[in-house]
Amino acid sequence: MKDIMLLGKKVLFSESPVLLKYAPDEDWLKYWNPRGGNWKVEDGYLVGEEKGNKGGILLSRERFEQNVMLSFTVSTVLPATRDLNAVYCANWDETTDYLGDSYVCGLNGWYEHKSGIERNLGSNIYTTTSLYKYTPGTEVRMTAGAIGGHNFMVVDDVLVSELIDPMPIKGGYVGFSPYCTKLKIKDIEIREILWEKLVQEYEPEF
């Protein structure tokens, strides 16, 4: 994975310390907390399924207070085609027994096969695009995270979405959220984000 160039920031991917490197196995419940939907490990994948019009939720057991990014390989399980979602800076709302204030990123979602990032709970903070086209059943490598509210999502080394939240969520869990779909996930890695300021300016082209 190469460094990630954001607006005004460079994420130093290879220099960012690995906090967890996980290949799904029979001890998966030691690392992950299923909070919604149906989850299991099958053939080396975490498999998550939610048939209702809501998100199945799998959160990390560990809470991260520092800036982190989550990398993983994911695909839909055909005939499922949509919502390859991850969550980070995620919180659980015990009163509603559902995902609380959190960032959600995803592919082939938002009811119109869009990709993007949103802040959960109807904050109206989101960015989406219909330009990225995901082929259902195909494995992709996703990386997502936030630096003090500066969110990013990378798919197969391409920056697909970037979102700056002026009132950022501080700390939380990371995890996955198949929304009315079925996903399989492997090769999971959580890194603390190391970054540096990136001075960007144009030189005359003509």
N, C-alpha and C. Protein backbone atom coordinates (compact mmCIF):
# COMPACT_ATOMS: atom_id res chain seq x y z
N MET A 1 0.84 -1.19 0.00
CA MET A 1 0.00 0.00 0.00
C MET A 1 0.88 1.24 0.00
N LYS A 2 0.60 2.15 -0.92
CA LYS A 2 1.39 3.38 -1.00
C LYS A 2 0.83 4.42 -0.05
N ASP A 3 1.60 5.52 0.15
CA ASP A 3 1.13 6.61 0.98
C ASP A 3 -0.15 7.20 0.39
N ILE A 4 -1.00 7.72 1.27
CA ILE A 4 -2.30 8.25 0.85
C ILE A 4 -2.25 9.77 0.85
N MET A 5 -2.48 10.36 -0.30
CA MET A 5 -2.41 11.81 -0.45
C MET A 5 -3.80 12.42 -0.25
N LEU A 6 -3.98 13.10 0.88
CA LEU A 6 -5.21 13.79 1.17
C LEU A 6 -5.02 15.28 0.94
N LEU A 7 -6.07 16.04 1.08
CA LEU A 7 -5.95 17.49 0.96
C LEU A 7 -5.20 18.02 2.18
N GLY A 8 -3.94 18.41 1.95
CA GLY A 8 -3.12 18.98 3.02
C GLY A 8 -2.46 17.98 3.93
N LYS A 9 -2.63 16.68 3.68
CA LYS A 9 -2.05 15.65 4.54
C LYS A 9 -1.55 14.49 3.69
N LYS A 10 -0.44 13.90 4.15
CA LYS A 10 0.05 12.65 3.57
C LYS A 10 0.04 11.59 4.65
N VAL A 11 -0.72 10.52 4.44
CA VAL A 11 -0.75 9.39 5.36
C VAL A 11 0.43 8.48 5.04
N LEU A 12 1.32 8.31 6.01
CA LEU A 12 2.52 7.50 5.82
C LEU A 12 2.17 6.05 6.14
N PHE A 13 1.64 5.37 5.15
CA PHE A 13 1.04 4.07 5.41
C PHE A 13 2.04 3.07 5.95
N SER A 14 3.14 2.87 5.27
CA SER A 14 4.09 1.83 5.68
C SER A 14 4.76 2.13 7.02
N GLU A 15 4.77 3.40 7.42
CA GLU A 15 5.37 3.80 8.69
C GLU A 15 4.36 3.78 9.84
N SER A 16 3.10 3.63 9.51
CA SER A 16 2.05 3.62 10.54
C SER A 16 2.06 2.30 11.28
N PRO A 17 2.19 2.32 12.62
CA PRO A 17 2.33 1.07 13.37
C PRO A 17 1.10 0.17 13.29
N VAL A 18 1.32 -1.11 13.14
CA VAL A 18 0.24 -2.09 13.11
C VAL A 18 -0.20 -2.39 14.54
N LEU A 19 -1.48 -2.17 14.82
CA LEU A 19 -2.04 -2.44 16.15
C LEU A 19 -2.69 -3.82 16.21
N LEU A 20 -3.21 -4.28 15.09
CA LEU A 20 -3.81 -5.61 15.02
C LEU A 20 -3.73 -6.11 13.58
N LYS A 21 -3.25 -7.32 13.42
CA LYS A 21 -3.23 -8.00 12.13
C LYS A 21 -3.97 -9.31 12.34
N TYR A 22 -5.07 -9.50 11.61
CA TYR A 22 -5.94 -10.61 11.94
C TYR A 22 -6.44 -11.34 10.69
N ALA A 23 -6.24 -12.66 10.69
CA ALA A 23 -6.82 -13.55 9.69
C ALA A 23 -7.91 -14.36 10.38
N PRO A 24 -9.14 -14.31 9.90
CA PRO A 24 -10.26 -14.95 10.60
C PRO A 24 -9.99 -16.43 10.92
N ASP A 25 -10.29 -16.81 12.18
CA ASP A 25 -10.11 -18.17 12.64
C ASP A 25 -11.17 -18.49 13.69
N GLU A 26 -11.05 -19.64 14.31
CA GLU A 26 -12.07 -20.09 15.25
C GLU A 26 -12.12 -19.23 16.52
N ASP A 27 -11.08 -18.46 16.78
CA ASP A 27 -11.04 -17.59 17.96
C ASP A 27 -11.53 -16.18 17.66
N TRP A 28 -12.33 -16.00 16.61
CA TRP A 28 -12.71 -14.67 16.16
C TRP A 28 -13.44 -13.86 17.22
N LEU A 29 -14.19 -14.52 18.11
CA LEU A 29 -14.93 -13.79 19.14
C LEU A 29 -14.01 -13.14 20.19
N LYS A 30 -12.76 -13.55 20.21
CA LYS A 30 -11.78 -12.92 21.10
C LYS A 30 -11.48 -11.49 20.65
N TYR A 31 -11.61 -11.23 19.35
CA TYR A 31 -11.25 -9.93 18.78
C TYR A 31 -12.47 -9.10 18.36
N TRP A 32 -13.60 -9.76 18.10
CA TRP A 32 -14.75 -9.09 17.48
C TRP A 32 -16.02 -9.34 18.27
N ASN A 33 -16.86 -8.33 18.31
CA ASN A 33 -18.09 -8.35 19.09
C ASN A 33 -19.30 -8.20 18.17
N PRO A 34 -20.03 -9.29 17.88
CA PRO A 34 -21.19 -9.19 17.01
C PRO A 34 -22.34 -8.48 17.71
N ARG A 35 -22.79 -7.34 17.15
CA ARG A 35 -23.86 -6.56 17.77
C ARG A 35 -25.14 -6.54 16.94
N GLY A 36 -25.09 -7.03 15.73
CA GLY A 36 -26.28 -7.08 14.89
C GLY A 36 -26.03 -7.93 13.67
N GLY A 37 -27.08 -8.58 13.14
CA GLY A 37 -26.92 -9.47 12.00
C GLY A 37 -26.39 -10.82 12.44
N ASN A 38 -26.07 -11.66 11.48
CA ASN A 38 -25.54 -13.00 11.74
C ASN A 38 -24.09 -13.06 11.27
N TRP A 39 -23.21 -13.56 12.14
CA TRP A 39 -21.78 -13.59 11.86
C TRP A 39 -21.22 -14.99 12.12
N LYS A 40 -20.26 -15.38 11.29
CA LYS A 40 -19.56 -16.63 11.48
C LYS A 40 -18.23 -16.56 10.74
N VAL A 41 -17.38 -17.54 11.00
CA VAL A 41 -16.15 -17.70 10.22
C VAL A 41 -16.31 -18.92 9.34
N GLU A 42 -16.00 -18.74 8.05
CA GLU A 42 -16.16 -19.82 7.09
C GLU A 42 -15.07 -19.73 6.03
N ASP A 43 -14.30 -20.79 5.88
CA ASP A 43 -13.25 -20.87 4.85
C ASP A 43 -12.28 -19.69 4.91
N GLY A 44 -11.93 -19.27 6.13
CA GLY A 44 -10.94 -18.21 6.30
C GLY A 44 -11.49 -16.80 6.16
N TYR A 45 -12.80 -16.65 6.13
CA TYR A 45 -13.44 -15.34 6.04
C TYR A 45 -14.37 -15.11 7.22
N LEU A 46 -14.47 -13.86 7.66
CA LEU A 46 -15.59 -13.44 8.48
C LEU A 46 -16.76 -13.22 7.53
N VAL A 47 -17.88 -13.86 7.79
CA VAL A 47 -19.05 -13.74 6.93
C VAL A 47 -20.16 -13.08 7.73
N GLY A 48 -20.66 -11.95 7.22
CA GLY A 48 -21.71 -11.22 7.90
C GLY A 48 -22.93 -11.08 7.02
N GLU A 49 -24.11 -11.27 7.62
CA GLU A 49 -25.35 -11.23 6.86
C GLU A 49 -26.41 -10.48 7.64
N GLU A 50 -27.10 -9.58 6.97
CA GLU A 50 -28.26 -8.89 7.54
C GLU A 50 -29.33 -8.80 6.46
N LYS A 51 -30.49 -9.40 6.70
CA LYS A 51 -31.54 -9.43 5.69
C LYS A 51 -32.52 -8.28 5.82
N GLY A 52 -32.53 -7.61 6.97
CA GLY A 52 -33.44 -6.49 7.17
C GLY A 52 -32.90 -5.20 6.58
N ASN A 53 -33.74 -4.17 6.54
CA ASN A 53 -33.32 -2.86 6.03
C ASN A 53 -32.59 -2.09 7.13
N LYS A 54 -31.45 -2.66 7.51
CA LYS A 54 -30.60 -2.08 8.55
C LYS A 54 -29.22 -2.71 8.43
N GLY A 55 -28.31 -2.24 9.26
CA GLY A 55 -26.95 -2.75 9.19
C GLY A 55 -26.69 -3.83 10.21
N GLY A 56 -26.12 -4.94 9.76
CA GLY A 56 -25.52 -5.87 10.71
C GLY A 56 -24.23 -5.24 11.21
N ILE A 57 -23.90 -5.43 12.47
CA ILE A 57 -22.76 -4.72 13.05
C ILE A 57 -21.80 -5.70 13.72
N LEU A 58 -20.53 -5.61 13.36
CA LEU A 58 -19.46 -6.35 14.03
C LEU A 58 -18.41 -5.33 14.45
N LEU A 59 -18.20 -5.19 15.76
CA LEU A 59 -17.25 -4.20 16.27
C LEU A 59 -16.04 -4.87 16.89
N SER A 60 -14.92 -4.17 16.87
CA SER A 60 -13.72 -4.66 17.55
C SER A 60 -13.96 -4.69 19.05
N ARG A 61 -13.34 -5.64 19.71
CA ARG A 61 -13.40 -5.66 21.17
C ARG A 61 -12.64 -4.47 21.76
N GLU A 62 -11.57 -4.09 21.09
CA GLU A 62 -10.73 -3.00 21.58
C GLU A 62 -11.24 -1.65 21.06
N ARG A 63 -11.24 -0.67 21.93
CA ARG A 63 -11.57 0.70 21.56
C ARG A 63 -10.27 1.47 21.33
N PHE A 64 -10.24 2.29 20.30
CA PHE A 64 -9.03 3.02 19.93
C PHE A 64 -9.28 4.53 20.12
N GLU A 65 -8.46 5.15 20.96
CA GLU A 65 -8.61 6.58 21.20
C GLU A 65 -7.75 7.41 20.25
N GLN A 66 -6.74 6.79 19.64
CA GLN A 66 -5.88 7.48 18.69
C GLN A 66 -6.48 7.39 17.28
N ASN A 67 -5.91 8.16 16.34
CA ASN A 67 -6.33 8.07 14.94
C ASN A 67 -5.91 6.73 14.37
N VAL A 68 -6.88 5.97 13.84
CA VAL A 68 -6.56 4.66 13.27
C VAL A 68 -7.19 4.52 11.89
N MET A 69 -6.63 3.58 11.12
CA MET A 69 -7.23 3.21 9.83
C MET A 69 -7.37 1.70 9.80
N LEU A 70 -8.42 1.27 9.15
CA LEU A 70 -8.78 -0.14 9.05
C LEU A 70 -8.62 -0.58 7.61
N SER A 71 -7.83 -1.62 7.38
CA SER A 71 -7.65 -2.19 6.04
C SER A 71 -8.19 -3.62 6.03
N PHE A 72 -8.80 -4.02 4.92
CA PHE A 72 -9.38 -5.34 4.84
C PHE A 72 -9.70 -5.67 3.38
N THR A 73 -9.80 -6.97 3.11
CA THR A 73 -10.22 -7.46 1.81
C THR A 73 -11.67 -7.92 1.95
N VAL A 74 -12.53 -7.49 1.02
CA VAL A 74 -13.96 -7.73 1.18
C VAL A 74 -14.61 -7.97 -0.18
N SER A 75 -15.69 -8.72 -0.16
CA SER A 75 -16.54 -8.86 -1.34
C SER A 75 -17.96 -9.17 -0.88
N THR A 76 -18.91 -8.94 -1.76
CA THR A 76 -20.26 -9.42 -1.51
C THR A 76 -20.29 -10.92 -1.75
N VAL A 77 -21.25 -11.59 -1.12
CA VAL A 77 -21.47 -13.01 -1.35
C VAL A 77 -22.71 -13.11 -2.25
N LEU A 78 -22.48 -13.42 -3.50
CA LEU A 78 -23.58 -13.46 -4.46
C LEU A 78 -24.67 -14.43 -4.02
N PRO A 79 -25.94 -14.09 -4.22
CA PRO A 79 -26.44 -13.02 -5.09
C PRO A 79 -26.48 -11.63 -4.47
N ALA A 80 -25.95 -11.45 -3.25
CA ALA A 80 -25.89 -10.12 -2.65
C ALA A 80 -24.97 -9.22 -3.48
N THR A 81 -25.34 -7.96 -3.61
CA THR A 81 -24.61 -7.06 -4.52
C THR A 81 -24.21 -5.73 -3.90
N ARG A 82 -24.65 -5.41 -2.68
CA ARG A 82 -24.55 -4.02 -2.25
C ARG A 82 -23.94 -3.85 -0.85
N ASP A 83 -23.64 -2.59 -0.55
CA ASP A 83 -23.26 -2.11 0.78
C ASP A 83 -22.11 -2.87 1.42
N LEU A 84 -20.92 -2.67 0.86
CA LEU A 84 -19.69 -3.17 1.48
C LEU A 84 -19.23 -2.08 2.45
N ASN A 85 -19.71 -2.16 3.68
CA ASN A 85 -19.54 -1.07 4.63
C ASN A 85 -18.59 -1.42 5.76
N ALA A 86 -17.84 -0.41 6.19
CA ALA A 86 -17.02 -0.49 7.40
C ALA A 86 -17.37 0.69 8.30
N VAL A 87 -17.06 0.55 9.58
CA VAL A 87 -17.28 1.64 10.53
C VAL A 87 -16.00 1.89 11.30
N TYR A 88 -15.81 3.13 11.73
CA TYR A 88 -14.67 3.49 12.56
C TYR A 88 -15.05 4.71 13.39
N CYS A 89 -14.23 5.01 14.41
CA CYS A 89 -14.66 6.01 15.41
C CYS A 89 -16.08 5.68 15.82
N ALA A 90 -16.35 4.39 15.98
CA ALA A 90 -17.72 3.89 16.16
C ALA A 90 -18.07 3.77 17.64
N ASN A 91 -19.32 4.11 17.94
CA ASN A 91 -19.86 4.00 19.29
C ASN A 91 -21.17 3.23 19.25
N TRP A 92 -21.47 2.55 20.35
CA TRP A 92 -22.71 1.78 20.45
C TRP A 92 -23.67 2.50 21.38
N ASP A 93 -24.91 2.65 20.94
CA ASP A 93 -25.94 3.31 21.73
C ASP A 93 -26.75 2.24 22.46
N GLU A 94 -26.55 2.14 23.76
CA GLU A 94 -27.22 1.10 24.54
C GLU A 94 -28.72 1.34 24.64
N THR A 95 -29.16 2.59 24.53
CA THR A 95 -30.60 2.88 24.65
C THR A 95 -31.36 2.40 23.42
N THR A 96 -30.75 2.50 22.24
CA THR A 96 -31.40 2.03 21.01
C THR A 96 -30.94 0.64 20.61
N ASP A 97 -29.88 0.15 21.29
CA ASP A 97 -29.26 -1.14 20.95
C ASP A 97 -28.88 -1.17 19.48
N TYR A 98 -28.24 -0.10 19.04
CA TYR A 98 -27.82 0.01 17.64
C TYR A 98 -26.62 0.95 17.56
N LEU A 99 -26.06 1.02 16.39
CA LEU A 99 -24.88 1.85 16.16
C LEU A 99 -25.18 3.30 16.52
N GLY A 100 -24.32 3.89 17.32
CA GLY A 100 -24.45 5.29 17.71
C GLY A 100 -23.61 6.19 16.83
N ASP A 101 -23.11 7.28 17.41
CA ASP A 101 -22.33 8.25 16.66
C ASP A 101 -21.07 7.58 16.11
N SER A 102 -20.95 7.53 14.80
CA SER A 102 -19.90 6.75 14.14
C SER A 102 -19.72 7.26 12.72
N TYR A 103 -18.57 6.94 12.14
CA TYR A 103 -18.38 7.14 10.71
C TYR A 103 -18.61 5.82 9.99
N VAL A 104 -19.32 5.89 8.88
CA VAL A 104 -19.61 4.71 8.06
C VAL A 104 -19.09 4.99 6.65
N CYS A 105 -18.32 4.07 6.10
CA CYS A 105 -17.88 4.21 4.71
C CYS A 105 -18.33 2.97 3.95
N GLY A 106 -18.53 3.11 2.65
CA GLY A 106 -18.98 1.94 1.92
C GLY A 106 -18.98 2.09 0.42
N LEU A 107 -19.17 0.94 -0.23
CA LEU A 107 -19.29 0.85 -1.68
C LEU A 107 -20.67 0.28 -2.01
N ASN A 108 -21.22 0.70 -3.15
CA ASN A 108 -22.49 0.16 -3.66
C ASN A 108 -23.62 0.29 -2.63
N GLY A 109 -23.69 1.47 -2.01
CA GLY A 109 -24.70 1.70 -1.00
C GLY A 109 -25.58 2.91 -1.29
N TRP A 110 -26.17 3.43 -0.24
CA TRP A 110 -27.02 4.61 -0.32
C TRP A 110 -28.16 4.43 -1.33
N TYR A 111 -28.62 3.19 -1.45
CA TYR A 111 -29.80 2.81 -2.26
C TYR A 111 -29.64 3.00 -3.76
N GLU A 112 -28.60 3.69 -4.21
CA GLU A 112 -28.40 3.98 -5.63
C GLU A 112 -27.02 3.57 -6.10
N HIS A 113 -26.45 2.55 -5.47
CA HIS A 113 -25.12 2.03 -5.85
C HIS A 113 -24.05 3.12 -5.77
N LYS A 114 -24.12 3.93 -4.71
CA LYS A 114 -23.13 4.98 -4.51
C LYS A 114 -22.05 4.51 -3.55
N SER A 115 -20.94 5.23 -3.56
CA SER A 115 -19.84 4.97 -2.64
C SER A 115 -19.54 6.26 -1.89
N GLY A 116 -19.12 6.14 -0.63
CA GLY A 116 -18.83 7.35 0.11
C GLY A 116 -18.64 7.14 1.59
N ILE A 117 -18.77 8.24 2.33
CA ILE A 117 -18.57 8.28 3.78
C ILE A 117 -19.69 9.11 4.38
N GLU A 118 -20.19 8.68 5.53
CA GLU A 118 -21.17 9.48 6.24
C GLU A 118 -20.94 9.39 7.74
N ARG A 119 -21.44 10.40 8.44
CA ARG A 119 -21.51 10.33 9.89
C ARG A 119 -22.90 9.81 10.24
N ASN A 120 -22.95 8.76 11.02
CA ASN A 120 -24.21 8.11 11.36
C ASN A 120 -25.10 9.02 12.20
N LEU A 121 -26.35 8.64 12.35
CA LEU A 121 -27.35 9.30 13.20
C LEU A 121 -27.92 10.57 12.58
N GLY A 122 -28.07 10.59 11.26
CA GLY A 122 -28.77 11.70 10.62
C GLY A 122 -28.11 13.05 10.78
N SER A 123 -26.78 13.09 10.79
CA SER A 123 -26.08 14.35 10.97
C SER A 123 -26.07 15.21 9.71
N ASN A 124 -26.44 14.61 8.56
CA ASN A 124 -26.36 15.29 7.26
C ASN A 124 -24.92 15.63 6.88
N ILE A 125 -23.95 14.94 7.49
CA ILE A 125 -22.56 15.06 7.07
C ILE A 125 -22.22 13.82 6.27
N TYR A 126 -22.08 13.99 4.97
CA TYR A 126 -21.79 12.84 4.13
C TYR A 126 -21.23 13.31 2.79
N THR A 127 -20.59 12.38 2.12
CA THR A 127 -20.15 12.60 0.74
C THR A 127 -20.33 11.30 -0.01
N THR A 128 -20.93 11.35 -1.20
CA THR A 128 -21.14 10.15 -2.00
C THR A 128 -20.83 10.43 -3.46
N THR A 129 -20.58 9.35 -4.18
CA THR A 129 -20.35 9.45 -5.62
C THR A 129 -20.91 8.21 -6.29
N SER A 130 -21.36 8.38 -7.52
CA SER A 130 -21.79 7.24 -8.32
C SER A 130 -20.72 6.85 -9.34
N LEU A 131 -19.54 7.49 -9.27
CA LEU A 131 -18.50 7.26 -10.27
C LEU A 131 -17.74 5.96 -10.03
N TYR A 132 -17.59 5.55 -8.76
CA TYR A 132 -16.90 4.29 -8.50
C TYR A 132 -17.86 3.14 -8.75
N LYS A 133 -17.46 2.19 -9.57
CA LYS A 133 -18.32 1.06 -9.91
C LYS A 133 -17.74 -0.23 -9.32
N TYR A 134 -18.45 -0.81 -8.37
CA TYR A 134 -18.04 -2.07 -7.79
C TYR A 134 -18.71 -3.23 -8.52
N THR A 135 -17.93 -4.26 -8.84
CA THR A 135 -18.47 -5.45 -9.49
C THR A 135 -18.82 -6.48 -8.41
N PRO A 136 -20.11 -6.77 -8.21
CA PRO A 136 -20.52 -7.70 -7.15
C PRO A 136 -19.79 -9.04 -7.23
N GLY A 137 -19.40 -9.54 -6.06
CA GLY A 137 -18.71 -10.81 -5.98
C GLY A 137 -17.20 -10.69 -6.13
N THR A 138 -16.70 -9.50 -6.45
CA THR A 138 -15.27 -9.28 -6.66
C THR A 138 -14.61 -8.81 -5.37
N GLU A 139 -13.46 -9.37 -5.02
CA GLU A 139 -12.73 -8.92 -3.84
C GLU A 139 -11.99 -7.62 -4.13
N VAL A 140 -12.09 -6.68 -3.19
CA VAL A 140 -11.34 -5.43 -3.26
C VAL A 140 -10.64 -5.21 -1.92
N ARG A 141 -9.61 -4.41 -1.95
CA ARG A 141 -8.87 -4.06 -0.74
C ARG A 141 -9.25 -2.64 -0.34
N MET A 142 -9.85 -2.49 0.84
CA MET A 142 -10.29 -1.18 1.31
C MET A 142 -9.48 -0.74 2.51
N THR A 143 -9.24 0.56 2.59
CA THR A 143 -8.64 1.18 3.76
C THR A 143 -9.44 2.42 4.09
N ALA A 144 -9.81 2.57 5.36
CA ALA A 144 -10.60 3.73 5.77
C ALA A 144 -10.20 4.16 7.17
N GLY A 145 -10.31 5.46 7.43
CA GLY A 145 -9.99 5.98 8.75
C GLY A 145 -10.19 7.47 8.79
N ALA A 146 -9.76 8.08 9.89
CA ALA A 146 -9.93 9.52 10.05
C ALA A 146 -8.78 10.09 10.88
N ILE A 147 -8.37 11.29 10.50
CA ILE A 147 -7.37 12.05 11.26
C ILE A 147 -8.10 13.27 11.82
N GLY A 148 -8.53 13.16 13.08
CA GLY A 148 -9.22 14.28 13.70
C GLY A 148 -10.39 14.78 12.88
N GLY A 149 -11.18 13.88 12.31
CA GLY A 149 -12.34 14.26 11.52
C GLY A 149 -12.09 14.35 10.03
N HIS A 150 -10.84 14.22 9.60
CA HIS A 150 -10.51 14.20 8.17
C HIS A 150 -10.59 12.74 7.72
N ASN A 151 -11.72 12.36 7.15
CA ASN A 151 -12.01 10.99 6.77
C ASN A 151 -11.51 10.67 5.37
N PHE A 152 -11.16 9.40 5.17
CA PHE A 152 -10.75 8.95 3.85
C PHE A 152 -11.10 7.49 3.65
N MET A 153 -11.33 7.13 2.39
CA MET A 153 -11.57 5.75 2.00
C MET A 153 -10.81 5.46 0.71
N VAL A 154 -9.98 4.44 0.74
CA VAL A 154 -9.15 4.04 -0.38
C VAL A 154 -9.57 2.63 -0.81
N VAL A 155 -9.71 2.42 -2.11
CA VAL A 155 -10.07 1.10 -2.63
C VAL A 155 -9.04 0.72 -3.70
N ASP A 156 -8.35 -0.40 -3.47
CA ASP A 156 -7.31 -0.86 -4.40
C ASP A 156 -6.36 0.27 -4.78
N ASP A 157 -5.88 0.97 -3.75
CA ASP A 157 -4.87 2.04 -3.88
C ASP A 157 -5.40 3.32 -4.54
N VAL A 158 -6.69 3.45 -4.71
CA VAL A 158 -7.27 4.67 -5.28
C VAL A 158 -8.13 5.36 -4.23
N LEU A 159 -7.89 6.66 -4.01
CA LEU A 159 -8.69 7.44 -3.07
C LEU A 159 -10.07 7.65 -3.67
N VAL A 160 -11.09 7.03 -3.07
CA VAL A 160 -12.45 7.11 -3.60
C VAL A 160 -13.25 8.23 -2.94
N SER A 161 -12.97 8.49 -1.66
CA SER A 161 -13.77 9.49 -0.94
C SER A 161 -12.95 10.13 0.17
N GLU A 162 -13.24 11.40 0.42
CA GLU A 162 -12.58 12.19 1.45
C GLU A 162 -13.63 13.12 2.06
N LEU A 163 -13.67 13.23 3.37
CA LEU A 163 -14.69 14.03 4.05
C LEU A 163 -14.09 14.66 5.29
N ILE A 164 -14.29 15.96 5.46
CA ILE A 164 -13.81 16.66 6.65
C ILE A 164 -15.00 17.04 7.52
N ASP A 165 -15.01 16.52 8.74
CA ASP A 165 -16.06 16.79 9.71
C ASP A 165 -15.57 17.90 10.64
N PRO A 166 -16.26 19.05 10.69
CA PRO A 166 -15.79 20.15 11.53
C PRO A 166 -15.91 19.90 13.03
N MET A 167 -16.71 18.91 13.42
CA MET A 167 -16.85 18.55 14.84
C MET A 167 -16.60 17.05 14.97
N PRO A 168 -15.34 16.64 14.89
CA PRO A 168 -15.00 15.23 14.74
C PRO A 168 -15.36 14.37 15.94
N ILE A 169 -15.62 13.09 15.63
CA ILE A 169 -15.77 12.08 16.67
C ILE A 169 -14.38 11.73 17.18
N LYS A 170 -14.23 11.64 18.48
CA LYS A 170 -12.93 11.35 19.07
C LYS A 170 -12.92 9.93 19.65
N GLY A 171 -12.22 9.05 18.98
CA GLY A 171 -12.06 7.68 19.45
C GLY A 171 -13.27 6.82 19.16
N GLY A 172 -13.07 5.49 19.30
CA GLY A 172 -14.17 4.56 19.09
C GLY A 172 -13.68 3.21 18.63
N TYR A 173 -14.62 2.36 18.29
CA TYR A 173 -14.33 1.02 17.79
C TYR A 173 -14.22 1.05 16.26
N VAL A 174 -13.72 -0.02 15.69
CA VAL A 174 -13.76 -0.20 14.24
C VAL A 174 -14.53 -1.49 13.96
N GLY A 175 -15.00 -1.64 12.74
CA GLY A 175 -15.72 -2.86 12.42
C GLY A 175 -16.37 -2.82 11.06
N PHE A 176 -17.40 -3.64 10.90
CA PHE A 176 -18.02 -3.86 9.60
C PHE A 176 -19.53 -3.83 9.73
N SER A 177 -20.20 -3.47 8.62
CA SER A 177 -21.66 -3.34 8.68
C SER A 177 -22.31 -3.68 7.34
N PRO A 178 -22.60 -4.96 7.10
CA PRO A 178 -23.39 -5.30 5.90
C PRO A 178 -24.81 -4.78 6.06
N TYR A 179 -25.23 -3.89 5.17
CA TYR A 179 -26.56 -3.28 5.27
C TYR A 179 -27.50 -3.98 4.30
N CYS A 180 -28.36 -4.82 4.83
CA CYS A 180 -29.31 -5.59 4.01
C CYS A 180 -28.57 -6.34 2.90
N THR A 181 -27.51 -7.02 3.28
CA THR A 181 -26.67 -7.72 2.31
C THR A 181 -25.86 -8.81 3.01
N LYS A 182 -24.95 -9.43 2.28
CA LYS A 182 -24.08 -10.46 2.83
C LYS A 182 -22.67 -10.23 2.32
N LEU A 183 -21.70 -10.17 3.24
CA LEU A 183 -20.31 -9.87 2.92
C LEU A 183 -19.39 -10.94 3.48
N LYS A 184 -18.20 -11.07 2.85
CA LYS A 184 -17.14 -11.87 3.44
C LYS A 184 -15.87 -11.04 3.48
N ILE A 185 -15.11 -11.17 4.59
CA ILE A 185 -14.02 -10.26 4.91
C ILE A 185 -12.82 -11.07 5.39
N LYS A 186 -11.62 -10.69 4.96
CA LYS A 186 -10.41 -11.36 5.43
C LYS A 186 -9.25 -10.36 5.47
N ASP A 187 -8.08 -10.82 5.93
CA ASP A 187 -6.83 -10.04 5.93
C ASP A 187 -7.06 -8.66 6.54
N ILE A 188 -7.48 -8.64 7.79
CA ILE A 188 -7.84 -7.40 8.49
C ILE A 188 -6.61 -6.84 9.19
N GLU A 189 -6.45 -5.52 9.08
CA GLU A 189 -5.31 -4.85 9.70
C GLU A 189 -5.75 -3.49 10.23
N ILE A 190 -5.37 -3.20 11.46
CA ILE A 190 -5.64 -1.89 12.06
C ILE A 190 -4.29 -1.24 12.34
N ARG A 191 -4.15 0.00 11.85
CA ARG A 191 -2.91 0.74 12.06
C ARG A 191 -3.20 2.09 12.71
N GLU A 192 -2.30 2.50 13.60
CA GLU A 192 -2.32 3.88 14.06
C GLU A 192 -1.82 4.76 12.92
N ILE A 193 -2.49 5.88 12.68
CA ILE A 193 -2.15 6.71 11.53
C ILE A 193 -0.99 7.64 11.85
N LEU A 194 0.10 7.51 11.10
CA LEU A 194 1.17 8.50 11.09
C LEU A 194 1.01 9.32 9.82
N TRP A 195 1.11 10.64 9.95
CA TRP A 195 0.91 11.50 8.79
C TRP A 195 1.77 12.75 8.92
N GLU A 196 1.90 13.44 7.82
CA GLU A 196 2.62 14.71 7.83
C GLU A 196 1.86 15.71 6.98
N LYS A 197 2.10 16.99 7.26
CA LYS A 197 1.46 18.03 6.47
C LYS A 197 1.97 17.97 5.04
N LEU A 198 1.07 18.24 4.12
CA LEU A 198 1.41 18.18 2.70
C LEU A 198 1.15 19.55 2.08
N VAL A 199 2.23 20.20 1.69
CA VAL A 199 2.10 21.51 1.03
C VAL A 199 1.79 21.27 -0.44
N GLN A 200 0.69 21.81 -0.89
CA GLN A 200 0.24 21.59 -2.26
C GLN A 200 0.07 22.93 -2.96
N GLU A 201 0.70 23.06 -4.09
CA GLU A 201 0.57 24.28 -4.89
C GLU A 201 0.80 23.94 -6.35
N TYR A 202 0.25 24.77 -7.19
CA TYR A 202 0.39 24.58 -8.64
C TYR A 202 1.56 25.41 -9.17
N GLU A 203 2.26 24.83 -10.13
CA GLU A 203 3.21 25.55 -10.95
C GLU A 203 2.50 25.87 -12.27
N PRO A 204 2.83 26.99 -12.91
CA PRO A 204 2.19 27.31 -14.19
C PRO A 204 2.36 26.19 -15.21
N GLU A 205 1.28 25.88 -15.92
CA GLU A 205 1.33 24.84 -16.95
C GLU A 205 1.60 25.43 -18.34
N PHE A 206 1.45 26.73 -18.51
CA PHE A 206 1.61 27.34 -19.84
C PHE A 206 2.03 28.79 -19.69
